[in-house]
Amino acid sequence: MTSPVELHLLRVGACRHLECMAARGGRWALMDFPALCGLIRHPAHGWILYDTGYAEHFLRPRNNCRNACTAVSCRSSCRRPNA
């Protein structure tokens, strides 16, 4: 009998950023964004660490900023609307 494949989701860290930079209609408040990875135990191939990195939408410029601004980095010239 073969052992089943196991998946363990691991929280390996986090970053803090404004909620509104990641979610439409989000608040101007800091929140934690967990960094996750998957640790897979395969019966024939052993342990495999699977980490996808940031999602593509975190790296694209946001429409509400006048300059290049992403959820990961934002220039100081990027101002809060109505500020």
Protein backbone atom coordinates (compact mmCIF):
# COMPACT_ATOMS: atom_id res chain seq x y z
CA MET A 1 0.00 0.00 0.00
CA THR A 2 1.32 3.44 -0.99
CA SER A 3 1.43 6.30 1.51
CA PRO A 4 -0.79 9.28 0.64
CA VAL A 5 0.58 12.63 -0.46
CA GLU A 6 0.60 15.11 2.44
CA LEU A 7 0.26 18.89 2.19
CA HIS A 8 1.28 21.19 5.03
CA LEU A 9 0.57 24.92 4.65
CA LEU A 10 3.21 26.93 6.49
CA ARG A 11 3.05 30.58 7.52
CA VAL A 12 6.66 31.62 7.01
CA GLY A 13 6.32 35.36 7.61
CA ALA A 14 4.21 38.37 6.78
CA CYS A 15 4.39 41.90 5.47
CA ARG A 16 2.34 44.89 6.61
CA HIS A 17 0.77 47.25 4.13
CA LEU A 18 -2.32 49.39 3.60
CA GLU A 19 -5.44 47.32 3.06
CA CYS A 20 -6.60 49.68 0.28
CA MET A 21 -3.53 48.83 -1.79
CA ALA A 22 -4.62 45.20 -2.04
CA ALA A 23 -8.41 45.32 -1.91
CA ARG A 24 -10.76 47.66 -3.78
CA GLY A 25 -12.65 49.70 -1.22
CA GLY A 26 -10.17 48.71 1.51
CA ARG A 27 -9.38 50.89 4.51
CA TRP A 28 -6.42 53.24 4.95
CA ALA A 29 -5.17 51.00 7.76
CA LEU A 30 -2.21 48.68 8.02
CA MET A 31 -2.89 44.98 7.95
CA ASP A 32 -0.81 41.82 7.86
CA PHE A 33 -0.47 39.86 4.64
CA PRO A 34 0.76 36.37 5.51
CA ALA A 35 3.48 34.73 3.46
CA LEU A 36 2.54 31.10 2.91
CA CYS A 37 4.24 28.13 1.32
CA GLY A 38 3.30 24.51 0.88
CA LEU A 39 5.40 21.65 2.18
CA ILE A 40 4.47 18.51 0.27
CA ARG A 41 5.47 15.01 1.28
CA HIS A 42 5.36 12.71 -1.73
CA PRO A 43 5.64 8.96 -1.09
CA ALA A 44 8.17 8.43 -3.92
CA HIS A 45 9.88 11.83 -4.28
CA GLY A 46 10.09 12.90 -0.63
CA TRP A 47 9.70 16.45 0.64
CA ILE A 48 8.98 19.32 -1.81
CA LEU A 49 8.78 22.98 -0.78
CA TYR A 50 6.37 24.95 -3.00
CA ASP A 51 6.41 28.75 -2.85
CA THR A 52 4.68 30.86 -5.52
CA GLY A 53 5.84 34.31 -4.35
CA TYR A 54 3.65 37.38 -4.73
CA ALA A 55 0.55 37.26 -6.91
CA GLU A 56 0.86 39.23 -10.16
CA HIS A 57 -1.76 41.82 -9.10
CA PHE A 58 0.49 42.94 -6.21
CA LEU A 59 3.14 43.99 -8.72
CA ARG A 60 0.92 45.92 -11.18
CA PRO A 61 0.52 49.73 -10.86
CA ARG A 62 -2.70 50.81 -9.17
CA ASN A 63 -5.17 52.97 -11.14
CA ASN A 64 -5.70 55.49 -8.34
CA CYS A 65 -2.04 56.61 -8.22
CA ARG A 66 -0.57 59.29 -10.45
CA ASN A 67 2.87 57.64 -10.52
CA ALA A 68 4.19 54.08 -10.54
CA CYS A 69 2.76 52.61 -7.38
CA THR A 70 2.16 49.01 -6.41
CA ALA A 71 1.02 47.20 -3.31
CA VAL A 72 4.64 46.28 -2.61
CA SER A 73 6.23 49.70 -3.08
CA CYS A 74 4.79 53.18 -3.37
CA ARG A 75 6.54 56.45 -4.17
CA SER A 76 6.14 59.28 -1.71
CA SER A 77 4.55 61.40 -4.48
CA CYS A 78 1.63 58.96 -4.58
CA ARG A 79 -0.94 60.66 -2.37
CA ARG A 80 -4.07 59.44 -0.69
CA PRO A 81 -7.19 60.54 -2.61
CA ASN A 82 -8.71 63.77 -1.17
CA ALA A 83 -5.69 64.28 1.09
